[in-house]
């Protein structure tokens, strides 16, 4: 069975691309064959950083007719190997239209393709509200993985006390993931400014021993979280 992993969250600034980049590096380190796509036209940092290392390609989700087939390469790639796809913010409507207009869930069942929606959240009201809408929009056939990004917040009381959302998570058998915080803003800024992959950063002597160890620690914790989820 092939699978398509969509890394989103609808809200901007919740760490979607960081989670996706960590997932890409996980596959590279474990020598897992994968196709990578970036659909964020305004800030395609997964493409910018992993364009060469992971052969990341660009795809487009849009409500415009001239782009209606641009996202189909994501599905077609999944017929051969696993797909990791970075999503921009505010893409729920065109993604839903892509599913509905092409009856993707129907043909996916025939082709043996499984969809996973990694919904990255900062625990805020808007983010949690959008999570509920995503689950209602895509339905239980798409496996939702709610990513609690501890790099953005360590207060998840609102999430835990949202009875309606918790019931929906249970009903759709969603998976909950704790994603670790990357310690070190200097390291993060340098990686971003110099378009460094995690692999390059953990070996870069100019970063210094402590900085390289921070990268290694983050990856170790992120990989443990991915393995606990158990879908890779």
Protein backbone atom coordinates (compact mmCIF):
# COMPACT_ATOMS: atom_id res chain seq x y z
CA UNK A 1 0.00 0.00 0.00
CA UNK A 2 1.23 3.48 -0.94
CA UNK A 3 0.51 6.51 1.18
CA UNK A 4 0.29 10.29 0.92
CA UNK A 5 1.24 12.36 3.95
CA UNK A 6 -0.07 15.94 3.91
CA UNK A 7 1.63 18.23 6.43
CA UNK A 8 -0.64 21.17 7.19
CA UNK A 9 -2.52 22.97 9.88
CA UNK A 10 -4.40 25.73 8.02
CA UNK A 11 -3.09 28.41 10.37
CA UNK A 12 0.18 30.15 9.54
CA UNK A 13 3.16 30.05 11.86
CA UNK A 14 2.37 26.78 13.66
CA UNK A 15 5.46 24.93 12.40
CA UNK A 16 4.06 22.90 9.51
CA UNK A 17 7.18 23.01 7.37
CA UNK A 18 9.49 22.20 10.31
CA UNK A 19 7.55 19.01 10.98
CA UNK A 20 7.62 18.17 7.27
CA UNK A 21 11.36 18.86 7.04
CA UNK A 22 11.99 16.59 10.02
CA UNK A 23 9.90 13.87 8.34
CA UNK A 24 11.90 14.26 5.12
CA UNK A 25 15.18 13.95 7.03
CA UNK A 26 13.82 10.89 8.85
CA UNK A 27 13.24 9.18 5.52
CA UNK A 28 16.65 10.17 4.18
CA UNK A 29 18.45 8.95 7.31
CA UNK A 30 16.57 5.66 7.24
CA UNK A 31 17.04 5.27 3.47
CA UNK A 32 13.31 5.10 2.86
CA UNK A 33 12.26 5.77 -0.73
CA UNK A 34 9.97 8.78 -0.88
CA UNK A 35 8.67 11.54 -3.16
CA UNK A 36 8.57 15.04 -1.67
CA UNK A 37 6.37 17.95 -2.76
CA UNK A 38 6.05 21.54 -1.60
CA UNK A 39 2.76 23.30 -2.39
CA UNK A 40 3.48 26.55 -0.52
CA UNK A 41 3.94 29.11 -3.29
CA UNK A 42 4.64 32.06 -0.97
CA UNK A 43 7.29 30.38 1.19
CA UNK A 44 8.36 26.99 -0.22
CA UNK A 45 11.07 26.39 2.38
CA UNK A 46 10.86 22.59 2.12
CA UNK A 47 11.59 22.93 -1.61
CA UNK A 48 14.23 25.57 -0.94
CA UNK A 49 16.09 23.43 1.61
CA UNK A 50 15.44 19.89 0.37
CA UNK A 51 15.16 20.55 -3.34
CA UNK A 52 18.44 18.77 -4.06
CA UNK A 53 18.77 16.39 -1.10
CA UNK A 54 15.26 14.94 -1.46
CA UNK A 55 14.49 15.98 -5.05
CA UNK A 56 11.57 18.02 -3.74
CA UNK A 57 9.15 19.12 -6.44
CA UNK A 58 6.54 21.88 -6.59
CA UNK A 59 2.80 21.23 -6.86
CA UNK A 60 -0.13 23.61 -6.59
CA UNK A 61 -3.49 23.50 -4.82
CA UNK A 62 -5.74 26.21 -6.19
CA UNK A 63 -9.38 26.97 -6.88
CA UNK A 64 -8.42 28.39 -10.29
CA UNK A 65 -9.27 26.20 -13.27
CA UNK A 66 -5.86 26.62 -14.87
CA UNK A 67 -4.32 24.90 -11.83
CA UNK A 68 -6.92 22.16 -11.49
CA UNK A 69 -4.52 19.39 -12.57
CA UNK A 70 -1.34 20.71 -10.93
CA UNK A 71 -1.83 18.70 -7.73
CA UNK A 72 -2.52 15.42 -9.52
CA UNK A 73 1.20 14.64 -9.69
CA UNK A 74 1.06 14.13 -5.92
CA UNK A 75 -1.39 11.28 -6.28
CA UNK A 76 0.33 9.83 -9.33
CA UNK A 77 3.65 9.75 -7.49
CA UNK A 78 2.02 7.77 -4.66
CA UNK A 79 1.28 4.94 -7.06
CA UNK A 80 5.03 4.24 -7.02
CA UNK A 81 6.23 5.29 -3.57
CA UNK A 82 5.33 7.15 -0.37
CA UNK A 83 4.68 10.88 -0.74
CA UNK A 84 5.41 13.65 1.75
CA UNK A 85 3.70 16.95 0.92
CA UNK A 86 4.12 20.32 2.63
CA UNK A 87 0.94 22.42 2.60
CA UNK A 88 0.57 26.19 2.93
CA UNK A 89 -1.84 27.91 5.30
CA UNK A 90 -5.49 28.42 4.28
CA UNK A 91 -5.54 25.58 1.77
CA UNK A 92 -8.45 23.56 3.16
CA UNK A 93 -10.95 24.51 0.45
CA UNK A 94 -8.77 23.70 -2.60
CA UNK A 95 -7.58 20.47 -0.96
CA UNK A 96 -11.16 19.43 -0.24
CA UNK A 97 -12.11 20.31 -3.82
CA UNK A 98 -9.18 18.21 -5.08
CA UNK A 99 -10.52 15.24 -3.13
CA UNK A 100 -14.13 15.74 -4.19
CA UNK A 101 -13.70 16.75 -7.84
CA UNK A 102 -11.47 13.78 -8.56
CA UNK A 103 -13.24 11.36 -6.18
CA UNK A 104 -9.83 10.58 -4.77
CA UNK A 105 -11.00 8.48 -1.85
CA UNK A 106 -12.87 6.19 -4.22
CA UNK A 107 -9.95 5.64 -6.58
CA UNK A 108 -7.51 5.49 -3.67
CA UNK A 109 -9.38 2.48 -2.32
CA UNK A 110 -8.99 0.81 -5.70
CA UNK A 111 -5.31 1.75 -6.05
CA UNK A 112 -4.34 0.91 -2.48
CA UNK A 113 -3.40 4.48 -1.56
CA UNK A 114 -3.90 5.78 2.00
CA UNK A 115 -4.12 9.47 2.96
CA UNK A 116 -2.69 10.94 6.17
CA UNK A 117 -3.30 14.51 7.30
CA UNK A 118 -0.64 15.71 9.76
CA UNK A 119 -2.42 18.64 11.36
CA UNK A 120 0.20 20.77 13.14
CA UNK A 121 -1.21 22.87 15.97
CA UNK A 122 -0.03 25.49 18.44
CA UNK A 123 -2.93 24.76 20.79
CA UNK A 124 -4.66 28.09 20.16
CA UNK A 125 -8.41 28.47 19.70
CA UNK A 126 -8.15 29.15 15.96
CA UNK A 127 -5.90 26.15 15.42
CA UNK A 128 -8.13 23.76 17.35
CA UNK A 129 -11.22 25.06 15.58
CA UNK A 130 -9.56 24.48 12.22
CA UNK A 131 -8.58 20.95 13.26
CA UNK A 132 -12.24 20.13 13.85
CA UNK A 133 -13.19 21.61 10.47
CA UNK A 134 -10.45 19.61 8.74
CA UNK A 135 -11.67 16.36 10.23
CA UNK A 136 -15.29 17.11 9.36
CA UNK A 137 -14.33 18.18 5.83
CA UNK A 138 -12.11 15.23 4.91
CA UNK A 139 -13.87 12.59 6.99
CA UNK A 140 -12.60 9.47 8.77
CA UNK A 141 -11.20 7.85 5.63
CA UNK A 142 -8.32 10.32 5.82
CA UNK A 143 -6.23 9.44 8.87
CA UNK A 144 -5.70 12.59 10.91
CA UNK A 145 -2.58 12.96 13.05
CA UNK A 146 -2.92 15.87 15.45
CA UNK A 147 0.59 17.23 16.03
CA UNK A 148 0.99 19.09 19.32
CA UNK A 149 3.93 21.33 18.48
CA UNK A 150 5.75 21.97 21.75
CA UNK A 151 8.01 24.36 19.89
CA UNK A 152 5.04 26.74 19.74
CA UNK A 153 3.31 26.03 23.05
CA UNK A 154 3.54 23.86 26.13
CA UNK A 155 0.01 24.68 27.29
CA UNK A 156 -2.49 22.16 25.90
CA UNK A 157 -5.22 22.56 28.48
CA UNK A 158 -7.66 24.08 25.97
CA UNK A 159 -7.13 21.09 23.67
CA UNK A 160 -7.62 18.57 26.46
CA UNK A 161 -10.78 20.28 27.75
CA UNK A 162 -12.47 20.69 24.36
CA UNK A 163 -15.07 17.94 24.77
CA UNK A 164 -16.51 18.21 21.26
CA UNK A 165 -13.08 18.02 19.63
CA UNK A 166 -11.99 15.16 21.88
CA UNK A 167 -15.12 13.22 20.96
CA UNK A 168 -14.44 13.80 17.25
CA UNK A 169 -10.84 12.64 17.66
CA UNK A 170 -12.04 9.44 19.30
CA UNK A 171 -14.81 8.90 16.74
CA UNK A 172 -12.40 9.20 13.81
CA UNK A 173 -9.60 7.33 15.59
CA UNK A 174 -7.20 10.22 15.17
CA UNK A 175 -3.62 9.89 16.36
CA UNK A 176 -2.12 12.41 18.79
CA UNK A 177 1.58 13.23 18.47
CA UNK A 178 3.86 15.28 20.74
CA UNK A 179 6.40 17.06 18.55
CA UNK A 180 9.55 18.30 20.34
CA UNK A 181 10.79 21.86 20.62
CA UNK A 182 13.92 22.78 18.72
CA UNK A 183 16.17 24.45 21.29
CA UNK A 184 18.32 27.20 19.77
CA UNK A 185 17.00 30.18 17.81
CA UNK A 186 20.50 30.98 16.53
CA UNK A 187 20.81 27.54 14.99
CA UNK A 188 17.34 27.71 13.50
CA UNK A 189 17.97 31.13 11.97
CA UNK A 190 21.26 30.05 10.44
CA UNK A 191 19.75 26.89 9.01
CA UNK A 192 16.95 28.89 7.45
CA UNK A 193 19.14 31.73 6.13
CA UNK A 194 21.68 29.33 4.60
CA UNK A 195 19.12 26.77 3.38
CA UNK A 196 20.72 24.00 5.42
CA UNK A 197 19.18 20.57 5.76
CA UNK A 198 19.21 18.95 9.19
CA UNK A 199 21.92 16.60 7.94
CA UNK A 200 24.12 19.52 6.91
CA UNK A 201 23.53 21.34 10.20
CA UNK A 202 24.47 18.41 12.41
CA UNK A 203 27.79 18.06 10.58
CA UNK A 204 28.64 21.76 10.15
CA UNK A 205 31.80 22.45 12.17
CA UNK A 206 31.15 26.19 12.04
CA UNK A 207 28.05 25.75 14.19
CA UNK A 208 30.09 24.50 17.13
CA UNK A 209 29.72 21.38 19.26
CA UNK A 210 26.76 22.58 21.34
CA UNK A 211 24.81 23.74 18.31
CA UNK A 212 25.40 20.50 16.43
CA UNK A 213 24.34 18.53 19.49
CA UNK A 214 21.12 20.55 19.67
CA UNK A 215 20.32 19.50 16.10
CA UNK A 216 21.09 15.86 16.89
CA UNK A 217 18.97 15.97 20.05
CA UNK A 218 16.02 17.49 18.20
CA UNK A 219 16.21 14.87 15.45
CA UNK A 220 16.50 12.04 17.97
CA UNK A 221 13.37 13.26 19.79
CA UNK A 222 11.47 13.95 16.55
CA UNK A 223 12.32 10.50 15.17
CA UNK A 224 11.16 8.86 18.41
CA UNK A 225 7.87 10.75 18.07
CA UNK A 226 7.44 9.61 14.44
CA UNK A 227 8.11 6.01 15.41
CA UNK A 228 5.62 6.19 18.26
CA UNK A 229 2.97 7.32 15.78
CA UNK A 230 3.83 4.23 13.75
CA UNK A 231 2.66 5.20 10.27
CA UNK A 232 6.11 5.38 8.68
